[in-house]
Amino acid sequence: MDECENHLACPGQECVNSPGSFQCRPCRDGHRLRNGRCAGTAPPVPDPPPLTPPPRAPPLPAGAAQVPPPPLTPRGPLPFPRALRRYRPPR
């Protein structure tokens, strides 16, 4: 006779049948009861690595001027403003 066929023999524990007897065993750490048997659970998914900022450009040498890049449009950089082009005196 298999006493473990009765699902109430070991509620929440694994039932191990032996000749003329049975034992109830709790599941080990990392295991849980599935269909009357202790089974290992999938290993936990590791956390993703922390986000790091992109590397910074090296510092400019002393005395170097920092010139910002021109603003971009869908077709490329904006044209140089007319007011700042070379002045031509009227004729």
C-alpha atoms as a PDB file:
ATOM      1  CA  MET A   1       0.000   0.000   0.000  1.00  0.00           C
ATOM      2  CA  ASP A   2       1.252   3.496  -0.909  1.00  0.00           C
ATOM      3  CA  GLU A   3       0.218   5.934   1.813  1.00  0.00           C
ATOM      4  CA  CYS A   4       1.554   8.818  -0.279  1.00  0.00           C
ATOM      5  CA  GLU A   5      -1.268   8.372  -2.796  1.00  0.00           C
ATOM      6  CA  ASN A   6      -3.441  10.190  -0.240  1.00  0.00           C
ATOM      7  CA  HIS A   7      -2.665  13.881  -0.848  1.00  0.00           C
ATOM      8  CA  LEU A   8      -3.603  14.645   2.777  1.00  0.00           C
ATOM      9  CA  ALA A   9      -0.856  12.371   4.201  1.00  0.00           C
ATOM     10  CA  CYS A  10       1.770  15.163   4.186  1.00  0.00           C
ATOM     11  CA  PRO A  11       0.186  18.569   3.549  1.00  0.00           C
ATOM     12  CA  GLY A  12       2.834  21.024   2.333  1.00  0.00           C
ATOM     13  CA  GLN A  13       5.602  18.426   2.560  1.00  0.00           C
ATOM     14  CA  GLU A  14       7.049  15.698   0.372  1.00  0.00           C
ATOM     15  CA  CYS A  15       5.729  12.218   1.155  1.00  0.00           C
ATOM     16  CA  VAL A  16       8.331   9.424   0.958  1.00  0.00           C
ATOM     17  CA  ASN A  17       6.832   5.931   0.880  1.00  0.00           C
ATOM     18  CA  SER A  18       8.595   2.925   2.391  1.00  0.00           C
ATOM     19  CA  PRO A  19       7.401  -0.690   2.944  1.00  0.00           C
ATOM     20  CA  GLY A  20       4.614  -0.515   5.546  1.00  0.00           C
ATOM     21  CA  SER A  21       5.223   3.158   6.356  1.00  0.00           C
ATOM     22  CA  PHE A  22       5.881   6.658   5.009  1.00  0.00           C
ATOM     23  CA  GLN A  23       7.724   9.824   6.019  1.00  0.00           C
ATOM     24  CA  CYS A  24       6.914  13.483   5.521  1.00  0.00           C
ATOM     25  CA  ARG A  25       9.875  15.676   4.626  1.00  0.00           C
ATOM     26  CA  PRO A  26       9.904  19.453   4.305  1.00  0.00           C
ATOM     27  CA  CYS A  27      11.402  20.851   1.114  1.00  0.00           C
ATOM     28  CA  ARG A  28      14.964  22.147   1.315  1.00  0.00           C
ATOM     29  CA  ASP A  29      15.825  25.814   0.813  1.00  0.00           C
ATOM     30  CA  GLY A  30      15.454  26.794  -2.814  1.00  0.00           C
ATOM     31  CA  HIS A  31      12.903  24.027  -3.432  1.00  0.00           C
ATOM     32  CA  ARG A  32       9.139  23.967  -3.276  1.00  0.00           C
ATOM     33  CA  LEU A  33       6.414  21.384  -3.426  1.00  0.00           C
ATOM     34  CA  ARG A  34       5.165  20.546  -6.951  1.00  0.00           C
ATOM     35  CA  ASN A  35       2.782  17.657  -7.540  1.00  0.00           C
ATOM     36  CA  GLY A  36       3.674  16.151  -4.187  1.00  0.00           C
ATOM     37  CA  ARG A  37       7.449  16.282  -4.790  1.00  0.00           C
ATOM     38  CA  CYS A  38      10.054  18.849  -3.798  1.00  0.00           C
ATOM     39  CA  ALA A  39      11.509  20.474  -6.875  1.00  0.00           C
ATOM     40  CA  GLY A  40      14.168  23.119  -7.271  1.00  0.00           C
ATOM     41  CA  THR A  41      13.056  26.519  -8.421  1.00  0.00           C
ATOM     42  CA  ALA A  42      14.689  28.370 -11.260  1.00  0.00           C
ATOM     43  CA  PRO A  43      17.714  30.376 -10.170  1.00  0.00           C
ATOM     44  CA  PRO A  44      16.918  34.044  -9.587  1.00  0.00           C
ATOM     45  CA  VAL A  45      17.565  36.402 -12.469  1.00  0.00           C
ATOM     46  CA  PRO A  46      20.540  38.601 -11.588  1.00  0.00           C
ATOM     47  CA  ASP A  47      20.040  42.355 -11.447  1.00  0.00           C
ATOM     48  CA  PRO A  48      21.246  44.195 -14.541  1.00  0.00           C
ATOM     49  CA  PRO A  49      24.517  46.070 -14.159  1.00  0.00           C
ATOM     50  CA  PRO A  50      24.121  49.687 -13.075  1.00  0.00           C
ATOM     51  CA  LEU A  51      23.934  52.254 -15.835  1.00  0.00           C
ATOM     52  CA  THR A  52      27.101  54.243 -16.242  1.00  0.00           C
ATOM     53  CA  PRO A  53      27.306  57.665 -17.859  1.00  0.00           C
ATOM     54  CA  PRO A  54      29.113  57.886 -21.198  1.00  0.00           C
ATOM     55  CA  PRO A  55      32.806  58.712 -20.995  1.00  0.00           C
ATOM     56  CA  ARG A  56      33.641  62.387 -20.852  1.00  0.00           C
ATOM     57  CA  ALA A  57      35.869  64.131 -23.349  1.00  0.00           C
ATOM     58  CA  PRO A  58      39.359  64.882 -22.071  1.00  0.00           C
ATOM     59  CA  PRO A  59      39.826  68.412 -20.720  1.00  0.00           C
ATOM     60  CA  LEU A  60      41.009  71.084 -23.150  1.00  0.00           C
ATOM     61  CA  PRO A  61      44.513  72.458 -22.776  1.00  0.00           C
ATOM     62  CA  ALA A  62      44.865  75.670 -20.765  1.00  0.00           C
ATOM     63  CA  GLY A  63      43.897  78.723 -22.795  1.00  0.00           C
ATOM     64  CA  ALA A  64      41.904  76.809 -25.409  1.00  0.00           C
ATOM     65  CA  ALA A  65      38.523  78.285 -26.235  1.00  0.00           C
ATOM     66  CA  GLN A  66      35.497  76.075 -26.017  1.00  0.00           C
ATOM     67  CA  VAL A  67      33.381  76.487 -29.133  1.00  0.00           C
ATOM     68  CA  PRO A  68      29.925  74.932 -28.973  1.00  0.00           C
ATOM     69  CA  PRO A  69      28.910  72.876 -31.992  1.00  0.00           C
ATOM     70  CA  PRO A  70      26.401  74.482 -34.359  1.00  0.00           C
ATOM     71  CA  PRO A  71      22.748  73.548 -33.814  1.00  0.00           C
ATOM     72  CA  LEU A  72      21.526  70.698 -35.974  1.00  0.00           C
ATOM     73  CA  THR A  73      18.490  70.543 -38.219  1.00  0.00           C
ATOM     74  CA  PRO A  74      17.127  67.482 -40.028  1.00  0.00           C
ATOM     75  CA  ARG A  75      19.385  68.463 -42.969  1.00  0.00           C
ATOM     76  CA  GLY A  76      22.509  69.212 -40.944  1.00  0.00           C
ATOM     77  CA  PRO A  77      23.940  72.326 -39.235  1.00  0.00           C
ATOM     78  CA  LEU A  78      22.140  75.633 -39.475  1.00  0.00           C
ATOM     79  CA  PRO A  79      23.657  78.132 -41.930  1.00  0.00           C
ATOM     80  CA  PHE A  80      25.783  80.897 -40.511  1.00  0.00           C
ATOM     81  CA  PRO A  81      23.541  83.894 -39.658  1.00  0.00           C
ATOM     82  CA  ARG A  82      23.550  86.603 -42.348  1.00  0.00           C
ATOM     83  CA  ALA A  83      24.154  89.318 -39.794  1.00  0.00           C
ATOM     84  CA  LEU A  84      27.463  87.740 -38.875  1.00  0.00           C
ATOM     85  CA  ARG A  85      28.753  87.202 -42.430  1.00  0.00           C
ATOM     86  CA  ARG A  86      31.475  89.442 -43.767  1.00  0.00           C
ATOM     87  CA  TYR A  87      30.272  93.001 -44.113  1.00  0.00           C
ATOM     88  CA  ARG A  88      30.264  94.411 -47.647  1.00  0.00           C
ATOM     89  CA  PRO A  89      29.815  98.135 -47.954  1.00  0.00           C
ATOM     90  CA  PRO A  90      27.072  99.247 -50.339  1.00  0.00           C
ATOM     91  CA  ARG A  91      28.151 100.404 -53.828  1.00  0.00           C
END
